């Protein structure tokens, strides 16, 4: 699967939450963001 890199500015408290979750789950920050983005897109698709 091809991939594309996105860069986003996020509020510091949100970034810190992502870091805490990543550490707790022993996953990368990118993995956490990908999971969250996938879940959000799936939710939006259901609304359509």
C-alpha atoms as a PDB file:
ATOM      1  CA  UNK A   1       0.000   0.000   0.000  1.00  0.00           C
ATOM      2  CA  UNK A   2       1.299   3.427  -0.883  1.00  0.00           C
ATOM      3  CA  UNK A   3       1.355   6.044   1.832  1.00  0.00           C
ATOM      4  CA  UNK A   4       1.398   9.807   2.093  1.00  0.00           C
ATOM      5  CA  UNK A   5       2.784  11.905   4.935  1.00  0.00           C
ATOM      6  CA  UNK A   6       0.613  14.615   6.482  1.00  0.00           C
ATOM      7  CA  UNK A   7       1.900  17.339   8.777  1.00  0.00           C
ATOM      8  CA  UNK A   8      -0.522  18.995  11.169  1.00  0.00           C
ATOM      9  CA  UNK A   9      -0.233  21.573  13.919  1.00  0.00           C
ATOM     10  CA  UNK A  10      -2.091  20.348  16.997  1.00  0.00           C
ATOM     11  CA  UNK A  11      -2.562  21.968  20.387  1.00  0.00           C
ATOM     12  CA  UNK A  12       0.095  20.935  22.889  1.00  0.00           C
ATOM     13  CA  UNK A  13      -2.392  19.259  25.288  1.00  0.00           C
ATOM     14  CA  UNK A  14      -3.652  17.050  22.448  1.00  0.00           C
ATOM     15  CA  UNK A  15      -0.101  16.147  21.400  1.00  0.00           C
ATOM     16  CA  UNK A  16       0.729  15.242  24.999  1.00  0.00           C
ATOM     17  CA  UNK A  17      -2.341  12.981  25.182  1.00  0.00           C
ATOM     18  CA  UNK A  18      -1.277  11.249  21.987  1.00  0.00           C
ATOM     19  CA  UNK A  19       2.203  10.720  23.443  1.00  0.00           C
ATOM     20  CA  UNK A  20       0.768   9.275  26.678  1.00  0.00           C
ATOM     21  CA  UNK A  21      -1.510   6.898  24.787  1.00  0.00           C
ATOM     22  CA  UNK A  22       1.337   5.844  22.493  1.00  0.00           C
ATOM     23  CA  UNK A  23       3.558   5.091  25.483  1.00  0.00           C
ATOM     24  CA  UNK A  24       0.814   3.188  27.296  1.00  0.00           C
ATOM     25  CA  UNK A  25       0.018   1.059  24.238  1.00  0.00           C
ATOM     26  CA  UNK A  26       3.681   0.756  23.229  1.00  0.00           C
ATOM     27  CA  UNK A  27       2.814   2.069  19.760  1.00  0.00           C
ATOM     28  CA  UNK A  28       4.183   4.911  17.702  1.00  0.00           C
ATOM     29  CA  UNK A  29       2.639   8.363  17.622  1.00  0.00           C
ATOM     30  CA  UNK A  30       1.932   7.814  13.918  1.00  0.00           C
ATOM     31  CA  UNK A  31       0.048   4.583  14.647  1.00  0.00           C
ATOM     32  CA  UNK A  32      -2.172   6.360  17.195  1.00  0.00           C
ATOM     33  CA  UNK A  33      -2.936   9.210  14.798  1.00  0.00           C
ATOM     34  CA  UNK A  34      -3.656   6.773  11.949  1.00  0.00           C
ATOM     35  CA  UNK A  35      -6.089   4.813  14.127  1.00  0.00           C
ATOM     36  CA  UNK A  36      -7.858   7.983  15.251  1.00  0.00           C
ATOM     37  CA  UNK A  37      -8.092   9.370  11.721  1.00  0.00           C
ATOM     38  CA  UNK A  38      -9.408   6.063  10.379  1.00  0.00           C
ATOM     39  CA  UNK A  39     -12.079   5.923  13.098  1.00  0.00           C
ATOM     40  CA  UNK A  40     -13.125   9.527  12.425  1.00  0.00           C
ATOM     41  CA  UNK A  41     -13.369   8.961   8.670  1.00  0.00           C
ATOM     42  CA  UNK A  42     -15.410   5.782   9.203  1.00  0.00           C
ATOM     43  CA  UNK A  43     -17.768   7.737  11.467  1.00  0.00           C
ATOM     44  CA  UNK A  44     -18.136  10.498   8.878  1.00  0.00           C
ATOM     45  CA  UNK A  45     -18.809   7.933   6.139  1.00  0.00           C
ATOM     46  CA  UNK A  46     -21.674   6.516   8.227  1.00  0.00           C
ATOM     47  CA  UNK A  47     -23.248   9.971   8.465  1.00  0.00           C
ATOM     48  CA  UNK A  48     -23.392  10.326   4.681  1.00  0.00           C
END
